[in-house]
Amino acid sequence: MTRSAVIINPAKVVDLDERRRELCAALAEAGWPEPLWLPTTPEDPGCGMAREAAAAGAEVVLVCGGDGTVMAVAGELAGTDVAVALVPSGTGNLLAANLGIPRTVPEAVAVAVSGVRRRIDVGEVEGAGVFTVMAGIGFDAAMVEQTPDEAKRRFGVAAYVASGLRNLTRRRMSVRIRLDGGRWHHRTASTVLVANVGRLQGGIPLLPGAEPDDGLLDVAVLAPSHLSDWVRLAGGVMLGRGGASHGLETFRARAVEILATRDEPRELDGDAIAAERRLAARVRPGALIVCVPRV
């Protein structure tokens, strides 16, 4: 029986052969046999590879890629007993950052081998698939959609700055938001995020109370209308004072439905999906086993 498998996104690794040697050496040092090696392809971001790893009997699947690769693997392994170990290699790596996963290969493999296995929630967007970090509609999705992959490879997180600045003044949305099938909340917003974790790039605490294993999704409604509003919102979030007075309103629910008056860009874990008026998400509590560091 194969003890582990590596699902790797070649587009996120500078030297694929060197990364393979590094991963195999770290696993061998821990006494593990050589893993099943499963590179993703442009046609398959990791779904088929995750199914193959599970069918081969892998106990742990090491995911060497960004949040999009993790999302694809999580969609297949959620609800199974196969554990996911993160080896951060992409632009965002937000799930890894929120779970305290180190960025170096030896340290990440050490977490896979001797860390704690933690059950975390995943979110599921109707008609689109699962997410481990967050889904969004509006400004954030437009920013993701307009950031070229080549720019992300060359400049990392900074690649989002140009598209973000272009979209700061985009027309806000009129939306209705319904939580757990209750009454509709009417809002005007730049973006609405449905999150499984609370921290953005650089550890920015957008939703500091969000926990990936609380059985709930956290909703952030961002409503700045001018550049000065964005500045105040950013300052409030950075200082931990991101209340309604700073253009940020938050909710918490097991199921969330967002309905805009027009088609809007949408995203899952940093990957653009089809623009639509509606984004409906629900939580799948404790669906995914992830290897995390011992405290």
C-alpha atoms as a PDB file:
ATOM      1  CA  MET A   1       0.000   0.000   0.000  1.00  0.00           C
ATOM      2  CA  THR A   2       1.317   3.471  -0.933  1.00  0.00           C
ATOM      3  CA  ARG A   3       1.823   5.479   2.225  1.00  0.00           C
ATOM      4  CA  SER A   4       1.926   8.919   0.604  1.00  0.00           C
ATOM      5  CA  ALA A   5       1.455  10.708  -2.672  1.00  0.00           C
ATOM      6  CA  VAL A   6       2.653  14.083  -3.924  1.00  0.00           C
ATOM      7  CA  ILE A   7       0.329  16.137  -6.096  1.00  0.00           C
ATOM      8  CA  ILE A   8       2.443  18.911  -7.568  1.00  0.00           C
ATOM      9  CA  ASN A   9       1.613  21.829  -9.836  1.00  0.00           C
ATOM     10  CA  PRO A  10       4.626  22.160 -12.178  1.00  0.00           C
ATOM     11  CA  ALA A  11       3.698  25.775 -12.959  1.00  0.00           C
ATOM     12  CA  LYS A  12       4.361  26.735  -9.323  1.00  0.00           C
ATOM     13  CA  VAL A  13       7.830  25.185  -9.060  1.00  0.00           C
ATOM     14  CA  VAL A  14      11.002  26.584 -10.616  1.00  0.00           C
ATOM     15  CA  ASP A  15      12.901  23.268 -10.794  1.00  0.00           C
ATOM     16  CA  LEU A  16      10.588  20.257 -10.769  1.00  0.00           C
ATOM     17  CA  ASP A  17      13.371  17.664 -10.582  1.00  0.00           C
ATOM     18  CA  GLU A  18      15.043  19.435  -7.665  1.00  0.00           C
ATOM     19  CA  ARG A  19      11.727  19.717  -5.815  1.00  0.00           C
ATOM     20  CA  ARG A  20      11.132  15.998  -6.309  1.00  0.00           C
ATOM     21  CA  ARG A  21      14.572  15.132  -4.928  1.00  0.00           C
ATOM     22  CA  GLU A  22      14.004  17.443  -1.965  1.00  0.00           C
ATOM     23  CA  LEU A  23      10.582  15.995  -1.123  1.00  0.00           C
ATOM     24  CA  CYS A  24      11.653  12.372  -1.521  1.00  0.00           C
ATOM     25  CA  ALA A  25      14.774  12.941   0.581  1.00  0.00           C
ATOM     26  CA  ALA A  26      12.761  14.516   3.393  1.00  0.00           C
ATOM     27  CA  LEU A  27      10.276  11.641   3.390  1.00  0.00           C
ATOM     28  CA  ALA A  28      13.072   9.033   3.231  1.00  0.00           C
ATOM     29  CA  GLU A  29      14.758  10.660   6.221  1.00  0.00           C
ATOM     30  CA  ALA A  30      11.533  10.152   8.152  1.00  0.00           C
ATOM     31  CA  GLY A  31      11.506   6.496   7.136  1.00  0.00           C
ATOM     32  CA  TRP A  32       8.695   6.793   4.617  1.00  0.00           C
ATOM     33  CA  PRO A  33       8.861   5.009   1.231  1.00  0.00           C
ATOM     34  CA  GLU A  34       9.055   6.983  -1.987  1.00  0.00           C
ATOM     35  CA  PRO A  35       5.710   8.678  -2.659  1.00  0.00           C
ATOM     36  CA  LEU A  36       3.443   8.278  -5.639  1.00  0.00           C
ATOM     37  CA  TRP A  37       4.342  11.265  -7.859  1.00  0.00           C
ATOM     38  CA  LEU A  38       1.372  12.949  -9.566  1.00  0.00           C
ATOM     39  CA  PRO A  39       1.940  16.233 -11.462  1.00  0.00           C
ATOM     40  CA  THR A  40      -1.130  18.286 -12.344  1.00  0.00           C
ATOM     41  CA  THR A  41      -1.849  19.308 -15.933  1.00  0.00           C
ATOM     42  CA  PRO A  42      -3.456  22.357 -17.563  1.00  0.00           C
ATOM     43  CA  GLU A  43      -6.531  20.193 -18.136  1.00  0.00           C
ATOM     44  CA  ASP A  44      -6.690  18.796 -14.580  1.00  0.00           C
ATOM     45  CA  PRO A  45      -5.657  20.993 -11.633  1.00  0.00           C
ATOM     46  CA  GLY A  46      -5.511  18.020  -9.250  1.00  0.00           C
ATOM     47  CA  CYS A  47      -8.910  16.328  -9.112  1.00  0.00           C
ATOM     48  CA  GLY A  48      -7.964  13.184 -11.027  1.00  0.00           C
ATOM     49  CA  MET A  49      -4.634  13.000  -9.217  1.00  0.00           C
ATOM     50  CA  ALA A  50      -6.402  13.090  -5.835  1.00  0.00           C
ATOM     51  CA  ARG A  51      -8.692  10.256  -6.895  1.00  0.00           C
ATOM     52  CA  GLU A  52      -5.695   8.246  -8.095  1.00  0.00           C
ATOM     53  CA  ALA A  53      -3.844   8.806  -4.814  1.00  0.00           C
ATOM     54  CA  ALA A  54      -6.844   7.693  -2.767  1.00  0.00           C
ATOM     55  CA  ALA A  55      -7.357   4.617  -4.969  1.00  0.00           C
ATOM     56  CA  ALA A  56      -3.676   3.704  -4.495  1.00  0.00           C
ATOM     57  CA  GLY A  57      -4.171   3.689  -0.726  1.00  0.00           C
ATOM     58  CA  ALA A  58      -2.276   6.859   0.154  1.00  0.00           C
ATOM     59  CA  GLU A  59      -2.685   7.824   3.805  1.00  0.00           C
ATOM     60  CA  VAL A  60      -1.313  11.335   3.278  1.00  0.00           C
ATOM     61  CA  VAL A  61      -1.400  13.439   0.119  1.00  0.00           C
ATOM     62  CA  LEU A  62       1.206  16.194   0.014  1.00  0.00           C
ATOM     63  CA  VAL A  63      -0.058  19.104  -2.095  1.00  0.00           C
ATOM     64  CA  CYS A  64       2.745  21.128  -3.626  1.00  0.00           C
ATOM     65  CA  GLY A  65       1.068  24.127  -5.205  1.00  0.00           C
ATOM     66  CA  GLY A  66      -1.039  27.168  -4.436  1.00  0.00           C
ATOM     67  CA  ASP A  67      -4.555  27.554  -3.057  1.00  0.00           C
ATOM     68  CA  GLY A  68      -6.072  26.560  -6.406  1.00  0.00           C
ATOM     69  CA  THR A  69      -4.287  23.208  -6.343  1.00  0.00           C
ATOM     70  CA  VAL A  70      -5.304  22.693  -2.709  1.00  0.00           C
ATOM     71  CA  MET A  71      -8.912  23.515  -3.635  1.00  0.00           C
ATOM     72  CA  ALA A  72      -8.939  20.908  -6.427  1.00  0.00           C
ATOM     73  CA  VAL A  73      -7.505  18.205  -4.158  1.00  0.00           C
ATOM     74  CA  ALA A  74      -9.776  19.131  -1.263  1.00  0.00           C
ATOM     75  CA  GLY A  75     -12.818  18.787  -3.496  1.00  0.00           C
ATOM     76  CA  GLU A  76     -11.968  15.115  -4.004  1.00  0.00           C
ATOM     77  CA  LEU A  77     -10.639  14.204  -0.555  1.00  0.00           C
ATOM     78  CA  ALA A  78     -13.235  16.002   1.586  1.00  0.00           C
ATOM     79  CA  GLY A  79     -15.328  13.382   3.331  1.00  0.00           C
ATOM     80  CA  THR A  80     -12.581  10.733   3.150  1.00  0.00           C
ATOM     81  CA  ASP A  81      -9.996   9.530   5.686  1.00  0.00           C
ATOM     82  CA  VAL A  82      -7.058  10.654   3.518  1.00  0.00           C
ATOM     83  CA  ALA A  83      -5.080  13.480   5.111  1.00  0.00           C
ATOM     84  CA  VAL A  84      -3.836  16.500   3.145  1.00  0.00           C
ATOM     85  CA  ALA A  85      -0.389  17.949   3.873  1.00  0.00           C
ATOM     86  CA  LEU A  86       0.406  21.383   2.460  1.00  0.00           C
ATOM     87  CA  VAL A  87       3.756  22.225   0.860  1.00  0.00           C
ATOM     88  CA  PRO A  88       3.259  25.922   0.002  1.00  0.00           C
ATOM     89  CA  SER A  89       4.422  26.731  -3.513  1.00  0.00           C
ATOM     90  CA  GLY A  90       1.954  29.209  -5.022  1.00  0.00           C
ATOM     91  CA  THR A  91       1.283  32.926  -4.916  1.00  0.00           C
ATOM     92  CA  GLY A  92      -1.238  32.996  -2.097  1.00  0.00           C
ATOM     93  CA  ASN A  93      -0.955  29.879   0.077  1.00  0.00           C
ATOM     94  CA  LEU A  94      -3.576  31.403   2.358  1.00  0.00           C
ATOM     95  CA  LEU A  95      -4.786  28.124   3.837  1.00  0.00           C
ATOM     96  CA  ALA A  96      -1.219  27.186   4.733  1.00  0.00           C
ATOM     97  CA  ALA A  97      -0.606  30.616   6.267  1.00  0.00           C
ATOM     98  CA  ASN A  98      -3.800  30.465   8.337  1.00  0.00           C
ATOM     99  CA  LEU A  99      -2.868  26.997   9.632  1.00  0.00           C
ATOM    100  CA  GLY A 100       0.731  27.935  10.447  1.00  0.00           C
ATOM    101  CA  ILE A 101       2.296  25.636   7.840  1.00  0.00           C
ATOM    102  CA  PRO A 102       5.985  26.542   7.251  1.00  0.00           C
ATOM    103  CA  ARG A 103       7.121  27.415   3.732  1.00  0.00           C
ATOM    104  CA  THR A 104      10.334  25.371   3.496  1.00  0.00           C
ATOM    105  CA  VAL A 105      10.051  21.855   2.108  1.00  0.00           C
ATOM    106  CA  PRO A 106      11.799  20.038   5.008  1.00  0.00           C
ATOM    107  CA  GLU A 107       9.652  21.824   7.610  1.00  0.00           C
ATOM    108  CA  ALA A 108       6.441  21.258   5.650  1.00  0.00           C
ATOM    109  CA  VAL A 109       7.264  17.557   5.249  1.00  0.00           C
ATOM    110  CA  ALA A 110       8.006  17.347   8.984  1.00  0.00           C
ATOM    111  CA  VAL A 111       4.443  18.558   9.599  1.00  0.00           C
ATOM    112  CA  ALA A 112       3.123  15.875   7.247  1.00  0.00           C
ATOM    113  CA  VAL A 113       5.121  13.168   9.003  1.00  0.00           C
ATOM    114  CA  SER A 114       4.850  14.116  12.672  1.00  0.00           C
ATOM    115  CA  GLY A 115       2.281  16.913  12.923  1.00  0.00           C
ATOM    116  CA  VAL A 116      -1.289  16.737  14.173  1.00  0.00           C
ATOM    117  CA  ARG A 117      -4.128  15.740  11.885  1.00  0.00           C
ATOM    118  CA  ARG A 118      -6.879  18.305  12.225  1.00  0.00           C
ATOM    119  CA  ARG A 119     -10.365  18.122  10.764  1.00  0.00           C
ATOM    120  CA  ILE A 120     -11.309  21.430   9.187  1.00  0.00           C
ATOM    121  CA  ASP A 121     -14.436  22.664   7.462  1.00  0.00           C
ATOM    122  CA  VAL A 122     -14.732  23.317   3.763  1.00  0.00           C
ATOM    123  CA  GLY A 123     -17.182  25.605   2.043  1.00  0.00           C
ATOM    124  CA  GLU A 124     -19.160  24.487  -0.967  1.00  0.00           C
ATOM    125  CA  VAL A 125     -20.504  26.885  -3.590  1.00  0.00           C
ATOM    126  CA  GLU A 126     -23.560  25.678  -5.431  1.00  0.00           C
ATOM    127  CA  GLY A 127     -22.685  24.690  -8.985  1.00  0.00           C
ATOM    128  CA  ALA A 128     -18.977  25.532  -8.631  1.00  0.00           C
ATOM    129  CA  GLY A 129     -17.252  23.271  -6.080  1.00  0.00           C
ATOM    130  CA  VAL A 130     -15.552  23.561  -2.707  1.00  0.00           C
ATOM    131  CA  PHE A 131     -13.249  26.159  -1.201  1.00  0.00           C
ATOM    132  CA  THR A 132     -10.922  25.975   1.775  1.00  0.00           C
ATOM    133  CA  VAL A 133     -10.097  29.699   2.111  1.00  0.00           C
ATOM    134  CA  MET A 134     -12.874  31.895   0.746  1.00  0.00           C
ATOM    135  CA  ALA A 135     -15.313  32.582  -2.060  1.00  0.00           C
ATOM    136  CA  GLY A 136     -16.132  36.057  -3.266  1.00  0.00           C
ATOM    137  CA  ILE A 137     -18.318  38.119  -5.558  1.00  0.00           C
ATOM    138  CA  GLY A 138     -17.547  41.638  -6.785  1.00  0.00           C
ATOM    139  CA  PHE A 139     -14.310  43.601  -6.413  1.00  0.00           C
ATOM    140  CA  ASP A 140     -12.058  40.784  -5.159  1.00  0.00           C
ATOM    141  CA  ALA A 141     -13.153  38.459  -7.964  1.00  0.00           C
ATOM    142  CA  ALA A 142     -12.605  41.195 -10.586  1.00  0.00           C
ATOM    143  CA  MET A 143      -9.096  41.704  -9.199  1.00  0.00           C
ATOM    144  CA  VAL A 144      -8.365  37.966  -9.392  1.00  0.00           C
ATOM    145  CA  GLU A 145      -9.816  37.672 -12.889  1.00  0.00           C
ATOM    146  CA  GLN A 146      -7.714  40.554 -14.246  1.00  0.00           C
ATOM    147  CA  THR A 147      -4.366  39.406 -12.806  1.00  0.00           C
ATOM    148  CA  PRO A 148      -2.444  37.384 -15.425  1.00  0.00           C
ATOM    149  CA  ASP A 149      -0.837  34.104 -14.360  1.00  0.00           C
ATOM    150  CA  GLU A 150       2.487  35.266 -15.774  1.00  0.00           C
ATOM    151  CA  ALA A 151       2.388  38.361 -13.542  1.00  0.00           C
ATOM    152  CA  LYS A 152       1.681  36.175 -10.507  1.00  0.00           C
ATOM    153  CA  ARG A 153       4.632  33.936 -11.369  1.00  0.00           C
ATOM    154  CA  ARG A 154       6.970  36.905 -11.770  1.00  0.00           C
ATOM    155  CA  PHE A 155       5.811  39.234  -9.010  1.00  0.00           C
ATOM    156  CA  GLY A 156       3.923  37.067  -6.524  1.00  0.00           C
ATOM    157  CA  VAL A 157       1.307  38.827  -4.393  1.00  0.00           C
ATOM    158  CA  ALA A 158       2.389  42.225  -5.767  1.00  0.00           C
ATOM    159  CA  ALA A 159       0.855  41.214  -9.111  1.00  0.00           C
ATOM    160  CA  TYR A 160      -2.589  41.834  -7.663  1.00  0.00           C
ATOM    161  CA  VAL A 161      -1.819  45.473  -6.870  1.00  0.00           C
ATOM    162  CA  ALA A 162      -2.281  46.834 -10.394  1.00  0.00           C
ATOM    163  CA  SER A 163      -5.620  45.108 -10.991  1.00  0.00           C
ATOM    164  CA  GLY A 164      -6.709  46.017  -7.464  1.00  0.00           C
ATOM    165  CA  LEU A 165      -6.030  49.701  -8.076  1.00  0.00           C
ATOM    166  CA  ARG A 166      -7.910  49.555 -11.379  1.00  0.00           C
ATOM    167  CA  ASN A 167     -10.977  48.184  -9.626  1.00  0.00           C
ATOM    168  CA  LEU A 168     -11.058  50.395  -6.534  1.00  0.00           C
ATOM    169  CA  THR A 169     -13.546  52.740  -8.183  1.00  0.00           C
ATOM    170  CA  ARG A 170     -15.672  50.110  -9.953  1.00  0.00           C
ATOM    171  CA  ARG A 171     -19.407  50.553  -9.510  1.00  0.00           C
ATOM    172  CA  ARG A 172     -20.692  48.999  -6.314  1.00  0.00           C
ATOM    173  CA  MET A 173     -23.252  46.185  -6.283  1.00  0.00           C
ATOM    174  CA  SER A 174     -26.772  46.168  -4.920  1.00  0.00           C
ATOM    175  CA  VAL A 175     -27.039  42.823  -3.182  1.00  0.00           C
ATOM    176  CA  ARG A 176     -29.348  40.830  -0.984  1.00  0.00           C
ATOM    177  CA  ILE A 177     -27.784  38.474   1.557  1.00  0.00           C
ATOM    178  CA  ARG A 178     -29.611  35.647   3.303  1.00  0.00           C
ATOM    179  CA  LEU A 179     -28.153  33.699   6.237  1.00  0.00           C
ATOM    180  CA  ASP A 180     -29.317  30.181   7.089  1.00  0.00           C
ATOM    181  CA  GLY A 181     -32.531  30.652   5.097  1.00  0.00           C
ATOM    182  CA  GLY A 182     -33.617  33.671   7.164  1.00  0.00           C
ATOM    183  CA  ARG A 183     -34.687  37.133   6.053  1.00  0.00           C
ATOM    184  CA  TRP A 184     -32.895  39.028   3.306  1.00  0.00           C
ATOM    185  CA  HIS A 185     -30.405  41.772   4.208  1.00  0.00           C
ATOM    186  CA  HIS A 186     -30.220  44.517   1.570  1.00  0.00           C
ATOM    187  CA  ARG A 187     -26.786  46.096   1.087  1.00  0.00           C
ATOM    188  CA  THR A 188     -24.724  48.160  -1.354  1.00  0.00           C
ATOM    189  CA  ALA A 189     -21.241  46.681  -1.477  1.00  0.00           C
ATOM    190  CA  SER A 190     -17.984  46.597  -3.395  1.00  0.00           C
ATOM    191  CA  THR A 191     -17.479  42.931  -2.600  1.00  0.00           C
ATOM    192  CA  VAL A 192     -18.876  40.158  -0.437  1.00  0.00           C
ATOM    193  CA  LEU A 193     -16.555  37.436   0.849  1.00  0.00           C
ATOM    194  CA  VAL A 194     -17.608  34.099   2.333  1.00  0.00           C
ATOM    195  CA  ALA A 195     -14.655  32.833   4.328  1.00  0.00           C
ATOM    196  CA  ASN A 196     -13.507  29.659   6.035  1.00  0.00           C
ATOM    197  CA  VAL A 197     -10.442  31.397   7.515  1.00  0.00           C
ATOM    198  CA  GLY A 198      -9.871  34.953   8.645  1.00  0.00           C
ATOM    199  CA  ARG A 199      -6.434  36.177   7.581  1.00  0.00           C
ATOM    200  CA  LEU A 200      -5.426  37.604   4.217  1.00  0.00           C
ATOM    201  CA  GLN A 201      -1.977  38.057   2.695  1.00  0.00           C
ATOM    202  CA  GLY A 202       0.616  39.223   5.181  1.00  0.00           C
ATOM    203  CA  GLY A 203      -1.518  38.033   8.092  1.00  0.00           C
ATOM    204  CA  ILE A 204      -4.049  40.883   7.702  1.00  0.00           C
ATOM    205  CA  PRO A 205      -6.893  39.987  10.112  1.00  0.00           C
ATOM    206  CA  LEU A 206      -9.979  40.690   7.981  1.00  0.00           C
ATOM    207  CA  LEU A 207     -12.089  38.260  10.037  1.00  0.00           C
ATOM    208  CA  PRO A 208     -10.099  37.630  13.235  1.00  0.00           C
ATOM    209  CA  GLY A 209     -12.826  35.483  14.778  1.00  0.00           C
ATOM    210  CA  ALA A 210     -13.004  33.028  11.880  1.00  0.00           C
ATOM    211  CA  GLU A 211     -11.837  29.487  12.641  1.00  0.00           C
ATOM    212  CA  PRO A 212     -11.511  26.728  10.039  1.00  0.00           C
ATOM    213  CA  ASP A 213     -13.132  24.137  12.304  1.00  0.00           C
ATOM    214  CA  ASP A 214     -16.021  26.019  13.925  1.00  0.00           C
ATOM    215  CA  GLY A 215     -18.716  24.652  11.607  1.00  0.00           C
ATOM    216  CA  LEU A 216     -19.511  28.151  10.340  1.00  0.00           C
ATOM    217  CA  LEU A 217     -18.726  30.443   7.420  1.00  0.00           C
ATOM    218  CA  ASP A 218     -17.785  34.066   8.077  1.00  0.00           C
ATOM    219  CA  VAL A 219     -19.214  36.698   5.738  1.00  0.00           C
ATOM    220  CA  ALA A 220     -17.528  40.041   5.108  1.00  0.00           C
ATOM    221  CA  VAL A 221     -19.436  42.808   3.314  1.00  0.00           C
ATOM    222  CA  LEU A 222     -17.015  45.512   2.156  1.00  0.00           C
ATOM    223  CA  ALA A 223     -18.764  48.729   1.172  1.00  0.00           C
ATOM    224  CA  PRO A 224     -16.243  51.561   0.516  1.00  0.00           C
ATOM    225  CA  SER A 225     -17.274  53.866  -2.327  1.00  0.00           C
ATOM    226  CA  HIS A 226     -14.229  56.157  -2.667  1.00  0.00           C
ATOM    227  CA  LEU A 227     -10.458  55.770  -2.392  1.00  0.00           C
ATOM    228  CA  SER A 228     -10.507  57.507   0.990  1.00  0.00           C
ATOM    229  CA  ASP A 229     -13.031  54.911   2.206  1.00  0.00           C
ATOM    230  CA  TRP A 230     -10.674  52.124   1.159  1.00  0.00           C
ATOM    231  CA  VAL A 231      -7.839  53.769   3.067  1.00  0.00           C
ATOM    232  CA  ARG A 232      -9.958  54.050   6.220  1.00  0.00           C
ATOM    233  CA  LEU A 233     -11.151  50.455   5.805  1.00  0.00           C
ATOM    234  CA  ALA A 234      -7.590  49.175   5.404  1.00  0.00           C
ATOM    235  CA  GLY A 235      -6.475  51.108   8.469  1.00  0.00           C
ATOM    236  CA  GLY A 236      -9.385  49.836  10.536  1.00  0.00           C
ATOM    237  CA  VAL A 237      -8.722  46.219   9.556  1.00  0.00           C
ATOM    238  CA  MET A 238      -4.984  46.478  10.207  1.00  0.00           C
ATOM    239  CA  LEU A 239      -5.673  47.919  13.659  1.00  0.00           C
ATOM    240  CA  GLY A 240      -8.365  45.355  14.426  1.00  0.00           C
ATOM    241  CA  ARG A 241     -11.148  47.952  14.369  1.00  0.00           C
ATOM    242  CA  GLY A 242     -12.855  46.954  11.131  1.00  0.00           C
ATOM    243  CA  GLY A 243     -16.453  47.652  12.136  1.00  0.00           C
ATOM    244  CA  ALA A 244     -19.320  49.098  10.118  1.00  0.00           C
ATOM    245  CA  SER A 245     -17.917  52.602  10.602  1.00  0.00           C
ATOM    246  CA  HIS A 246     -14.926  51.560   8.484  1.00  0.00           C
ATOM    247  CA  GLY A 247     -17.001  50.040   5.683  1.00  0.00           C
ATOM    248  CA  LEU A 248     -16.838  46.431   6.864  1.00  0.00           C
ATOM    249  CA  GLU A 249     -19.835  44.473   8.128  1.00  0.00           C
ATOM    250  CA  THR A 250     -19.594  40.848   9.175  1.00  0.00           C
ATOM    251  CA  PHE A 251     -21.976  37.943   9.659  1.00  0.00           C
ATOM    252  CA  ARG A 252     -21.641  34.255  10.509  1.00  0.00           C
ATOM    253  CA  ALA A 253     -23.782  31.375   9.243  1.00  0.00           C
ATOM    254  CA  ARG A 254     -23.850  27.768   8.100  1.00  0.00           C
ATOM    255  CA  ALA A 255     -25.366  28.689   4.732  1.00  0.00           C
ATOM    256  CA  VAL A 256     -25.121  31.976   2.832  1.00  0.00           C
ATOM    257  CA  GLU A 257     -26.945  33.173  -0.269  1.00  0.00           C
ATOM    258  CA  ILE A 258     -25.892  36.354  -2.085  1.00  0.00           C
ATOM    259  CA  LEU A 259     -28.013  37.770  -4.899  1.00  0.00           C
ATOM    260  CA  ALA A 260     -26.860  40.786  -6.937  1.00  0.00           C
ATOM    261  CA  THR A 261     -28.914  42.798  -9.406  1.00  0.00           C
ATOM    262  CA  ARG A 262     -26.489  42.040 -12.254  1.00  0.00           C
ATOM    263  CA  ASP A 263     -23.917  39.416 -13.190  1.00  0.00           C
ATOM    264  CA  GLU A 264     -20.757  39.934 -11.143  1.00  0.00           C
ATOM    265  CA  PRO A 265     -17.268  38.367 -11.205  1.00  0.00           C
ATOM    266  CA  ARG A 266     -16.920  35.465  -8.764  1.00  0.00           C
ATOM    267  CA  GLU A 267     -13.945  33.537  -7.369  1.00  0.00           C
ATOM    268  CA  LEU A 268     -13.089  30.464  -5.313  1.00  0.00           C
ATOM    269  CA  ASP A 269      -9.773  30.389  -3.436  1.00  0.00           C
ATOM    270  CA  GLY A 270      -8.203  32.878  -5.823  1.00  0.00           C
ATOM    271  CA  ASP A 271      -9.445  31.221  -9.026  1.00  0.00           C
ATOM    272  CA  ALA A 272     -12.025  33.031 -11.172  1.00  0.00           C
ATOM    273  CA  ILE A 273     -15.273  31.167 -11.880  1.00  0.00           C
ATOM    274  CA  ALA A 274     -18.179  32.089 -14.145  1.00  0.00           C
ATOM    275  CA  ALA A 275     -19.732  35.491 -13.479  1.00  0.00           C
ATOM    276  CA  GLU A 276     -23.299  35.258 -12.203  1.00  0.00           C
ATOM    277  CA  ARG A 277     -25.793  37.228 -10.133  1.00  0.00           C
ATOM    278  CA  ARG A 278     -25.886  34.599  -7.400  1.00  0.00           C
ATOM    279  CA  LEU A 279     -23.388  32.987  -5.048  1.00  0.00           C
ATOM    280  CA  ALA A 280     -24.751  30.386  -2.633  1.00  0.00           C
ATOM    281  CA  ALA A 281     -22.432  28.635  -0.190  1.00  0.00           C
ATOM    282  CA  ARG A 282     -22.777  26.178   2.657  1.00  0.00           C
ATOM    283  CA  VAL A 283     -20.319  24.750   5.153  1.00  0.00           C
ATOM    284  CA  ARG A 284     -19.325  21.087   5.319  1.00  0.00           C
ATOM    285  CA  PRO A 285     -18.159  20.803   8.939  1.00  0.00           C
ATOM    286  CA  GLY A 286     -14.983  18.795   9.609  1.00  0.00           C
ATOM    287  CA  ALA A 287     -14.950  17.411   6.079  1.00  0.00           C
ATOM    288  CA  LEU A 288     -11.205  17.614   5.401  1.00  0.00           C
ATOM    289  CA  ILE A 289      -8.275  16.177   7.369  1.00  0.00           C
ATOM    290  CA  VAL A 290      -5.214  18.445   7.229  1.00  0.00           C
ATOM    291  CA  CYS A 291      -1.771  17.944   8.761  1.00  0.00           C
ATOM    292  CA  VAL A 292      -0.904  20.909  10.997  1.00  0.00           C
ATOM    293  CA  PRO A 293       2.038  21.683  13.317  1.00  0.00           C
ATOM    294  CA  ARG A 294       1.979  20.521  16.903  1.00  0.00           C
ATOM    295  CA  VAL A 295       1.379  23.421  19.274  1.00  0.00           C
END
